[in-house]
Structures are given as C-alpha cells and as structure tokens.
Amino acid sequence: MPTGVHIRDVRTQLFDATERVLRQQGPSALTSRAVTAEAGCAKGVLHRHFEDFDDFLAEFVLDRAGRLGAEATALRETAGTGTVADNLTGALADLFASVAVAIVPLITFRDELRARLRRTWPVGVPILTEAAAMIASYLAAERDLGRVNADADIDTLAPALIGAGHLLFADRTGTPPRTDALRAMVVAVLAGALRETES
C-alpha cells in the first residue's frame, strides 16, 4: 500500500496480519517487516501507532487473550448438554487450532515481550491462563448441575487439561491429534471427577 493512503482500523489489520504470519511461518518469522508486508502497508505504519515492536506484540497478545471471553461464554452455555468430555474435547480442539499454540513460544522466547506483558498481566501466560479460567468456569457450571462431582478440584483440573492439551498440539507443523486421542486425554485427566454417565 503506498505511503499516505489511509488505512481503516490499522490495529485490526496489523493484528490479523501478525496472526497469519504466526500460523503460516511460526514465531521465528515474526518481524515488523513481515507483519507490515503481510498487512500490505508501509513499515512506518506500525511504528506510528506503537512505541516499538515489543509494545505492538504485547498489544496483540492481550487482544487475542481478550477474545477468549466469547469462547468462554459459548462453552459455559453447553453445560448440561451432550457430555462433559465431548464439550471439553471440542473446546480444547478449537482453542489449540487457533493462534494460541504459536503465541506461547512467542512469549517464552521474547524477554522484552514478557516484561511488557507483566505490566498488565502479572501472573501466568496470557492465553493459557485465560483458557484455564474458561475451563474452570465450565467445570463449575457442570458441578452445579451435578455432572461433575461436588468434591472435584476444579482449580487443578482446568490447568491440567490446558497443559495436557498444549502438549498434544505443541508441534505447530505436525499433524494435529485425532479427536479420539484428545477425548481420551480429557477423560483420563477428569478420572474420578465425572459422574459415570458423563465420561
């Protein structure tokens, strides 16, 4: 795009371009030049709107973490329908088919990005902590309905499901796990927490 041409909603355009680069090429390919080239705009556009590239990446990560709110609501609304294992299998498949798998190593290997995120996100890894909260909220709803045992340790089960799910999907370039393998993991993690009819 020629310099001087107005770009509507530049943040959205740049964030969407960042997601495409992450999905297609991985975190190591993520540079300001790669993002602006993918967005079809001049490199200076990014630097006019953000303090520097790490500031831009921090805003991108927080934006994508914020999007989990809608997914959390949708998952919670499935409580009482289908089976707990199937609902969680679908939610985890959707989560890890998203850009989440690429964001985690991006945060892990960029020290300055982690430092920027700590200003507004003092504990945990954005995306993963939001995802664990989403799962915990759903499990709590199912517990209220009697489909998860009253004594289930939801605050431990939720991050365990996220961690095990992340391990299954961690190889971004590999073949994603089959649905039955993902469901088997969910059932194994929740062993003893589900009513028999829910597994």
Protein backbone atom coordinates (compact mmCIF):
# COMPACT_ATOMS: atom_id res chain seq x y z
CA MET A 1 0.00 0.00 0.00
CA PRO A 2 1.51 3.37 -0.94
CA THR A 3 2.54 5.69 1.87
CA GLY A 4 -0.13 8.28 2.58
CA VAL A 5 -3.11 6.01 1.85
CA HIS A 6 -5.45 5.92 4.85
CA ILE A 7 -5.80 2.51 6.50
CA ARG A 8 -9.05 1.86 8.33
CA ASP A 9 -8.67 0.18 11.72
CA VAL A 10 -4.91 -0.22 11.50
CA ARG A 11 -4.71 -2.25 14.72
CA THR A 12 -7.06 -4.91 13.39
CA GLN A 13 -5.25 -5.05 10.06
CA LEU A 14 -1.84 -5.41 11.70
CA PHE A 15 -3.03 -7.92 14.33
CA ASP A 16 -4.71 -10.10 11.69
CA ALA A 17 -1.52 -9.99 9.62
CA THR A 18 0.50 -11.00 12.70
CA GLU A 19 -1.77 -13.97 13.27
CA ARG A 20 -1.35 -15.10 9.66
CA VAL A 21 2.45 -14.89 9.90
CA LEU A 22 2.44 -16.82 13.18
CA ARG A 23 0.16 -19.53 11.79
CA GLN A 24 1.99 -19.95 8.49
CA GLN A 25 5.63 -19.41 9.46
CA GLY A 26 5.85 -19.53 13.25
CA PRO A 27 7.24 -17.13 15.87
CA SER A 28 10.77 -17.06 14.45
CA ALA A 29 9.49 -15.39 11.27
CA LEU A 30 7.70 -12.63 13.15
CA THR A 31 9.34 -9.27 12.44
CA SER A 32 7.86 -5.81 11.96
CA ARG A 33 8.74 -6.07 8.26
CA ALA A 34 6.99 -9.44 7.92
CA VAL A 35 3.87 -8.06 9.64
CA THR A 36 3.63 -4.90 7.55
CA ALA A 37 4.35 -6.81 4.34
CA GLU A 38 1.57 -9.28 5.20
CA ALA A 39 -0.74 -6.38 6.05
CA GLY A 40 0.10 -4.66 2.77
CA CYS A 41 1.21 -1.40 4.34
CA ALA A 42 4.38 0.63 4.80
CA LYS A 43 6.66 -0.42 7.67
CA GLY A 44 6.33 3.00 9.25
CA VAL A 45 2.62 2.44 9.87
CA LEU A 46 3.35 0.04 12.74
CA HIS A 47 5.85 2.39 14.37
CA ARG A 48 3.46 5.34 14.13
CA HIS A 49 0.90 3.51 16.25
CA PHE A 50 3.11 1.61 18.72
CA GLU A 51 6.12 2.51 20.86
CA ASP A 52 8.19 -0.33 19.36
CA PHE A 53 7.74 -3.90 18.08
CA ASP A 54 7.52 -5.46 21.55
CA ASP A 55 4.85 -2.94 22.53
CA PHE A 56 2.97 -3.97 19.39
CA LEU A 57 3.34 -7.68 20.19
CA ALA A 58 2.17 -7.16 23.78
CA GLU A 59 -0.99 -5.45 22.49
CA PHE A 60 -1.50 -8.28 20.00
CA VAL A 61 -1.22 -10.97 22.70
CA LEU A 62 -3.63 -9.13 25.01
CA ASP A 63 -6.08 -8.65 22.16
CA ARG A 64 -6.06 -12.38 21.35
CA ALA A 65 -6.36 -13.30 25.05
CA GLY A 66 -9.35 -10.98 25.33
CA ARG A 67 -11.11 -12.84 22.54
CA LEU A 68 -11.40 -15.92 24.74
CA GLY A 69 -14.24 -14.24 26.59
CA ALA A 70 -16.71 -15.12 23.83
CA GLU A 71 -15.43 -18.70 23.70
CA ALA A 72 -15.78 -19.00 27.48
CA THR A 73 -19.41 -17.88 27.28
CA ALA A 74 -20.14 -20.34 24.48
CA LEU A 75 -18.56 -23.22 26.41
CA ARG A 76 -20.40 -22.37 29.62
CA GLU A 77 -23.68 -22.40 27.67
CA THR A 78 -23.06 -26.05 26.74
CA ALA A 79 -23.25 -27.07 30.40
CA GLY A 80 -25.95 -29.67 30.86
CA THR A 81 -25.95 -30.68 27.18
CA GLY A 82 -24.06 -33.51 25.45
CA THR A 83 -21.36 -34.96 27.69
CA VAL A 84 -18.75 -33.11 29.71
CA ALA A 85 -15.95 -34.98 27.93
CA ASP A 86 -17.29 -34.14 24.46
CA ASN A 87 -17.85 -30.48 25.32
CA LEU A 88 -14.31 -30.12 26.64
CA THR A 89 -12.83 -32.03 23.71
CA GLY A 90 -14.46 -29.60 21.29
CA ALA A 91 -13.39 -26.55 23.31
CA LEU A 92 -9.77 -27.70 23.52
CA ALA A 93 -9.66 -28.56 19.82
CA ASP A 94 -10.93 -25.06 18.96
CA LEU A 95 -8.51 -23.40 21.38
CA PHE A 96 -5.42 -25.15 20.11
CA ALA A 97 -6.43 -24.89 16.45
CA SER A 98 -6.27 -21.13 16.98
CA VAL A 99 -3.16 -18.97 17.10
CA ALA A 100 -2.73 -19.88 20.79
CA VAL A 101 -0.14 -22.60 20.06
CA ALA A 102 2.11 -20.09 18.29
CA ILE A 103 1.65 -17.33 20.87
CA VAL A 104 3.02 -19.41 23.76
CA PRO A 105 6.54 -19.88 22.27
CA LEU A 106 6.48 -16.27 21.12
CA ILE A 107 6.06 -15.16 24.74
CA THR A 108 8.54 -17.75 26.01
CA PHE A 109 11.42 -16.62 23.82
CA ARG A 110 10.98 -12.84 23.78
CA ASP A 111 12.21 -11.48 27.12
CA GLU A 112 11.15 -7.92 26.40
CA LEU A 113 7.67 -9.04 25.35
CA ARG A 114 7.28 -10.89 28.67
CA ALA A 115 8.42 -7.78 30.52
CA ARG A 116 5.82 -5.66 28.70
CA LEU A 117 3.07 -8.18 29.41
CA ARG A 118 3.94 -8.25 33.12
CA ARG A 119 2.85 -4.60 33.38
CA THR A 120 -0.78 -5.59 32.83
CA TRP A 121 -0.65 -9.38 33.27
CA PRO A 122 1.44 -10.02 36.40
CA VAL A 123 0.93 -13.79 36.72
CA GLY A 124 0.81 -16.65 34.22
CA VAL A 125 0.94 -16.77 30.43
CA PRO A 126 -1.79 -14.86 28.61
CA ILE A 127 -3.95 -17.17 26.50
CA LEU A 128 -3.16 -20.20 28.68
CA THR A 129 -4.31 -18.61 31.94
CA GLU A 130 -7.45 -17.29 30.23
CA ALA A 131 -8.06 -20.72 28.74
CA ALA A 132 -7.69 -22.36 32.17
CA ALA A 133 -10.18 -19.87 33.60
CA MET A 134 -12.57 -20.71 30.75
CA ILE A 135 -12.35 -24.45 31.51
CA ALA A 136 -12.70 -23.86 35.27
CA SER A 137 -15.82 -21.77 34.74
CA TYR A 138 -17.35 -24.50 32.60
CA LEU A 139 -16.49 -27.25 35.09
CA ALA A 140 -18.01 -25.18 37.89
CA ALA A 141 -21.23 -24.87 35.88
CA GLU A 142 -21.28 -28.63 35.34
CA ARG A 143 -20.60 -29.21 39.04
CA ASP A 144 -23.60 -27.02 39.88
CA LEU A 145 -25.69 -29.25 37.59
CA GLY A 146 -24.38 -32.42 39.28
CA ARG A 147 -22.50 -33.74 36.25
CA VAL A 148 -19.11 -33.11 37.89
CA ASN A 149 -18.58 -34.42 41.41
CA ALA A 150 -19.06 -31.89 44.21
CA ASP A 151 -15.56 -32.54 45.60
CA ALA A 152 -13.77 -32.19 42.21
CA ASP A 153 -10.69 -29.94 42.42
CA ILE A 154 -11.61 -27.68 39.51
CA ASP A 155 -8.73 -25.26 40.09
CA THR A 156 -6.29 -28.12 39.49
CA LEU A 157 -8.22 -29.95 36.75
CA ALA A 158 -8.57 -26.89 34.50
CA PRO A 159 -4.85 -26.10 34.11
CA ALA A 160 -4.11 -29.84 33.88
CA LEU A 161 -6.42 -30.06 30.86
CA ILE A 162 -4.81 -26.99 29.28
CA GLY A 163 -1.28 -28.29 29.88
CA ALA A 164 -2.02 -31.77 28.55
CA GLY A 165 -3.88 -30.30 25.58
CA HIS A 166 -0.99 -27.98 24.79
CA LEU A 167 1.43 -30.91 24.76
CA LEU A 168 -0.76 -32.74 22.24
CA PHE A 169 -0.89 -29.72 19.92
CA ALA A 170 2.59 -28.27 20.58
CA ASP A 171 4.12 -29.26 17.23
CA ARG A 172 2.61 -26.50 15.10
CA THR A 173 3.87 -28.09 11.87
CA GLY A 174 2.87 -31.64 12.74
CA THR A 175 -0.41 -33.48 12.30
CA PRO A 176 -2.95 -32.41 14.93
CA PRO A 177 -4.04 -35.14 17.34
CA ARG A 178 -7.12 -37.14 16.41
CA THR A 179 -10.35 -36.28 18.20
CA ASP A 180 -10.44 -39.66 19.93
CA ALA A 181 -6.92 -39.14 21.30
CA LEU A 182 -7.85 -35.69 22.60
CA ARG A 183 -11.04 -37.06 24.16
CA ALA A 184 -9.11 -39.92 25.80
CA MET A 185 -6.81 -37.35 27.41
CA VAL A 186 -9.81 -35.36 28.69
CA VAL A 187 -11.38 -38.49 30.20
CA ALA A 188 -8.06 -39.50 31.80
CA VAL A 189 -7.48 -36.08 33.38
CA LEU A 190 -11.04 -35.97 34.68
CA ALA A 191 -10.98 -39.56 36.01
CA GLY A 192 -12.82 -39.59 39.31
CA ALA A 193 -14.25 -36.10 38.79
CA LEU A 194 -17.07 -37.05 36.41
CA ARG A 195 -20.26 -38.90 37.10
CA GLU A 196 -20.09 -42.25 35.28
CA THR A 197 -22.71 -41.24 32.70
CA GLU A 198 -20.65 -38.19 31.70
CA SER A 199 -17.50 -39.96 30.51
